[in-house]
N, C-alpha and C. Protein backbone atom coordinates (compact mmCIF):
# COMPACT_ATOMS: atom_id res chain seq x y z
N MET A 1 13.82 -14.42 -36.43
CA MET A 1 13.65 -15.71 -37.06
C MET A 1 12.20 -15.85 -37.52
N GLU A 2 12.00 -16.40 -38.69
CA GLU A 2 10.66 -16.62 -39.21
C GLU A 2 10.00 -17.78 -38.50
N SER A 3 8.65 -17.74 -38.48
CA SER A 3 7.91 -18.87 -37.94
C SER A 3 6.68 -19.11 -38.80
N ASP A 4 6.19 -20.35 -38.79
CA ASP A 4 5.00 -20.67 -39.55
C ASP A 4 3.76 -20.27 -38.74
N LEU A 5 2.58 -20.56 -39.26
CA LEU A 5 1.34 -20.16 -38.60
C LEU A 5 1.13 -20.85 -37.27
N ASN A 6 1.85 -21.93 -37.02
CA ASN A 6 1.77 -22.62 -35.74
C ASN A 6 2.84 -22.13 -34.76
N GLY A 7 3.59 -21.10 -35.16
CA GLY A 7 4.62 -20.56 -34.31
C GLY A 7 5.92 -21.34 -34.33
N GLN A 8 6.04 -22.31 -35.23
CA GLN A 8 7.24 -23.12 -35.32
C GLN A 8 8.31 -22.38 -36.12
N PRO A 9 9.54 -22.39 -35.65
CA PRO A 9 10.60 -21.68 -36.38
C PRO A 9 10.87 -22.30 -37.75
N ILE A 10 11.19 -21.44 -38.69
CA ILE A 10 11.53 -21.89 -40.04
C ILE A 10 13.01 -21.60 -40.25
N GLN A 11 13.81 -22.63 -40.35
CA GLN A 11 15.24 -22.49 -40.54
C GLN A 11 15.64 -23.32 -41.75
N THR A 12 15.38 -22.79 -42.92
CA THR A 12 15.65 -23.55 -44.12
C THR A 12 15.82 -22.62 -45.31
N GLN A 13 16.24 -23.16 -46.42
CA GLN A 13 16.41 -22.39 -47.64
C GLN A 13 15.10 -22.38 -48.42
N TRP A 14 14.71 -21.21 -48.88
CA TRP A 14 13.51 -21.08 -49.69
C TRP A 14 13.85 -21.39 -51.14
N GLN A 15 12.95 -22.08 -51.81
CA GLN A 15 13.13 -22.44 -53.21
C GLN A 15 12.09 -21.70 -54.04
N THR A 16 12.55 -21.12 -55.15
CA THR A 16 11.68 -20.36 -56.06
C THR A 16 11.78 -20.98 -57.44
N ALA A 17 10.68 -21.05 -58.16
CA ALA A 17 10.69 -21.59 -59.52
C ALA A 17 11.60 -20.76 -60.41
N SER A 18 12.35 -21.39 -61.27
CA SER A 18 13.32 -20.69 -62.12
C SER A 18 12.65 -19.74 -63.10
N ILE A 19 11.40 -19.95 -63.44
CA ILE A 19 10.70 -19.10 -64.40
C ILE A 19 10.22 -17.79 -63.76
N SER A 20 10.25 -17.70 -62.45
CA SER A 20 9.67 -16.58 -61.73
C SER A 20 10.61 -15.40 -61.59
N ALA A 21 10.00 -14.21 -61.53
CA ALA A 21 10.75 -13.00 -61.19
C ALA A 21 11.00 -13.00 -59.69
N ALA A 22 11.95 -12.21 -59.26
CA ALA A 22 12.37 -12.22 -57.85
C ALA A 22 11.23 -11.89 -56.88
N THR A 23 10.31 -11.02 -57.26
CA THR A 23 9.23 -10.64 -56.34
C THR A 23 7.86 -11.02 -56.88
N ASN A 24 7.81 -12.03 -57.70
CA ASN A 24 6.53 -12.41 -58.30
C ASN A 24 6.35 -13.92 -58.25
N CYS A 25 6.56 -14.48 -57.08
CA CYS A 25 6.52 -15.93 -57.03
C CYS A 25 6.19 -16.45 -55.64
N VAL A 26 5.70 -17.67 -55.63
CA VAL A 26 5.53 -18.42 -54.40
C VAL A 26 6.86 -19.11 -54.11
N GLN A 27 7.28 -19.07 -52.87
CA GLN A 27 8.49 -19.76 -52.46
C GLN A 27 8.10 -20.91 -51.54
N VAL A 28 8.87 -21.99 -51.62
CA VAL A 28 8.57 -23.21 -50.88
C VAL A 28 9.81 -23.63 -50.10
N ALA A 29 9.60 -24.11 -48.89
CA ALA A 29 10.71 -24.62 -48.09
C ALA A 29 10.26 -25.91 -47.39
N SER A 30 11.21 -26.77 -47.15
CA SER A 30 10.93 -28.05 -46.49
C SER A 30 11.25 -27.95 -45.01
N GLN A 31 10.35 -28.48 -44.21
CA GLN A 31 10.54 -28.59 -42.77
C GLN A 31 10.52 -30.08 -42.41
N ALA A 32 10.83 -30.41 -41.19
CA ALA A 32 10.87 -31.81 -40.78
C ALA A 32 9.56 -32.54 -41.05
N ASN A 33 8.44 -31.93 -40.70
CA ASN A 33 7.14 -32.59 -40.87
C ASN A 33 6.18 -31.79 -41.73
N ALA A 34 6.68 -30.82 -42.47
CA ALA A 34 5.79 -29.95 -43.23
C ALA A 34 6.49 -29.34 -44.43
N VAL A 35 5.67 -28.77 -45.29
CA VAL A 35 6.15 -27.94 -46.39
C VAL A 35 5.56 -26.56 -46.14
N VAL A 36 6.39 -25.53 -46.17
CA VAL A 36 5.92 -24.17 -45.91
C VAL A 36 6.01 -23.34 -47.18
N VAL A 37 5.08 -22.39 -47.30
CA VAL A 37 4.94 -21.59 -48.51
C VAL A 37 4.80 -20.12 -48.12
N ARG A 38 5.42 -19.23 -48.91
CA ARG A 38 5.27 -17.79 -48.71
C ARG A 38 5.34 -17.10 -50.07
N HIS A 39 5.02 -15.82 -50.09
CA HIS A 39 5.12 -15.01 -51.31
C HIS A 39 6.46 -14.29 -51.28
N SER A 40 7.21 -14.38 -52.37
CA SER A 40 8.54 -13.76 -52.41
C SER A 40 8.48 -12.24 -52.27
N LYS A 41 7.37 -11.64 -52.62
CA LYS A 41 7.23 -10.18 -52.50
C LYS A 41 7.17 -9.75 -51.04
N TYR A 42 6.76 -10.66 -50.16
CA TYR A 42 6.63 -10.36 -48.73
C TYR A 42 7.40 -11.39 -47.91
N PRO A 43 8.73 -11.37 -47.97
CA PRO A 43 9.51 -12.41 -47.28
C PRO A 43 9.33 -12.42 -45.76
N ASP A 44 8.90 -11.30 -45.19
CA ASP A 44 8.65 -11.26 -43.75
C ASP A 44 7.17 -11.41 -43.42
N GLY A 45 6.37 -11.69 -44.44
CA GLY A 45 4.93 -11.82 -44.28
C GLY A 45 4.53 -13.20 -43.82
N PRO A 46 3.25 -13.51 -43.97
CA PRO A 46 2.74 -14.80 -43.49
C PRO A 46 3.34 -16.00 -44.22
N VAL A 47 3.40 -17.09 -43.51
CA VAL A 47 3.89 -18.36 -44.05
C VAL A 47 2.79 -19.40 -43.82
N LEU A 48 2.45 -20.13 -44.87
CA LEU A 48 1.46 -21.21 -44.75
C LEU A 48 2.19 -22.53 -44.59
N SER A 49 1.68 -23.37 -43.74
CA SER A 49 2.30 -24.65 -43.45
C SER A 49 1.35 -25.79 -43.84
N TYR A 50 1.87 -26.77 -44.58
CA TYR A 50 1.08 -27.92 -45.01
C TYR A 50 1.79 -29.20 -44.59
N THR A 51 1.00 -30.20 -44.24
CA THR A 51 1.60 -31.50 -43.96
C THR A 51 2.14 -32.06 -45.28
N ARG A 52 3.03 -33.01 -45.19
CA ARG A 52 3.55 -33.62 -46.41
C ARG A 52 2.43 -34.32 -47.20
N THR A 53 1.46 -34.87 -46.51
CA THR A 53 0.33 -35.51 -47.17
C THR A 53 -0.49 -34.49 -47.95
N GLU A 54 -0.76 -33.34 -47.35
CA GLU A 54 -1.49 -32.28 -48.04
C GLU A 54 -0.72 -31.78 -49.25
N TRP A 55 0.59 -31.56 -49.07
CA TRP A 55 1.42 -31.07 -50.16
C TRP A 55 1.48 -32.07 -51.31
N THR A 56 1.62 -33.35 -50.98
CA THR A 56 1.66 -34.39 -52.00
C THR A 56 0.35 -34.43 -52.79
N ALA A 57 -0.78 -34.28 -52.11
CA ALA A 57 -2.07 -34.26 -52.79
C ALA A 57 -2.17 -33.05 -53.72
N PHE A 58 -1.68 -31.90 -53.27
CA PHE A 58 -1.70 -30.70 -54.10
C PHE A 58 -0.84 -30.89 -55.35
N ILE A 59 0.39 -31.35 -55.19
CA ILE A 59 1.29 -31.55 -56.33
C ILE A 59 0.71 -32.58 -57.30
N ASP A 60 0.08 -33.61 -56.78
CA ASP A 60 -0.57 -34.61 -57.63
C ASP A 60 -1.65 -33.94 -58.49
N GLY A 61 -2.44 -33.06 -57.87
CA GLY A 61 -3.46 -32.33 -58.62
C GLY A 61 -2.87 -31.42 -59.67
N VAL A 62 -1.75 -30.76 -59.35
CA VAL A 62 -1.07 -29.90 -60.32
C VAL A 62 -0.61 -30.72 -61.51
N LYS A 63 0.03 -31.85 -61.24
CA LYS A 63 0.53 -32.71 -62.32
C LYS A 63 -0.59 -33.26 -63.20
N LYS A 64 -1.76 -33.45 -62.63
CA LYS A 64 -2.90 -33.97 -63.38
C LYS A 64 -3.67 -32.86 -64.11
N GLY A 65 -3.24 -31.60 -63.93
CA GLY A 65 -3.89 -30.49 -64.61
C GLY A 65 -5.14 -29.96 -63.92
N GLU A 66 -5.37 -30.37 -62.68
CA GLU A 66 -6.58 -29.98 -61.97
C GLU A 66 -6.63 -28.48 -61.64
N PHE A 67 -5.50 -27.78 -61.73
CA PHE A 67 -5.46 -26.36 -61.41
C PHE A 67 -5.09 -25.51 -62.62
N ASP A 68 -5.15 -26.08 -63.80
CA ASP A 68 -4.77 -25.35 -65.01
C ASP A 68 -5.61 -24.11 -65.23
N SER A 69 -6.83 -24.08 -64.78
CA SER A 69 -7.69 -22.91 -64.98
C SER A 69 -7.20 -21.69 -64.20
N PHE A 70 -6.28 -21.89 -63.26
CA PHE A 70 -5.74 -20.78 -62.47
C PHE A 70 -4.48 -20.18 -63.07
N SER A 71 -3.91 -20.79 -64.10
CA SER A 71 -2.65 -20.32 -64.65
C SER A 71 -2.88 -19.25 -65.71
N VAL A 72 -1.85 -18.44 -65.94
CA VAL A 72 -1.88 -17.38 -66.92
C VAL A 72 -1.48 -17.95 -68.27
N GLY A 73 -2.14 -17.53 -69.30
CA GLY A 73 -1.74 -17.90 -70.64
C GLY A 73 -2.51 -19.03 -71.15
């Protein structure tokens, strides 16, 4: 069973962006009190865990274009 960096079990479905290739994407899953993230190329690798507040702040920044300098194209 997978666990996050705090050792908490992850029992959920991973979501991948539809534009992504199978092994070239960040995957996201919802937990009771967190949002967890991993790289699809390494499904058994590390998992990062964020509080819902942290995740909401990140998504808000994405929507506002604050991370556009990191995108390709």
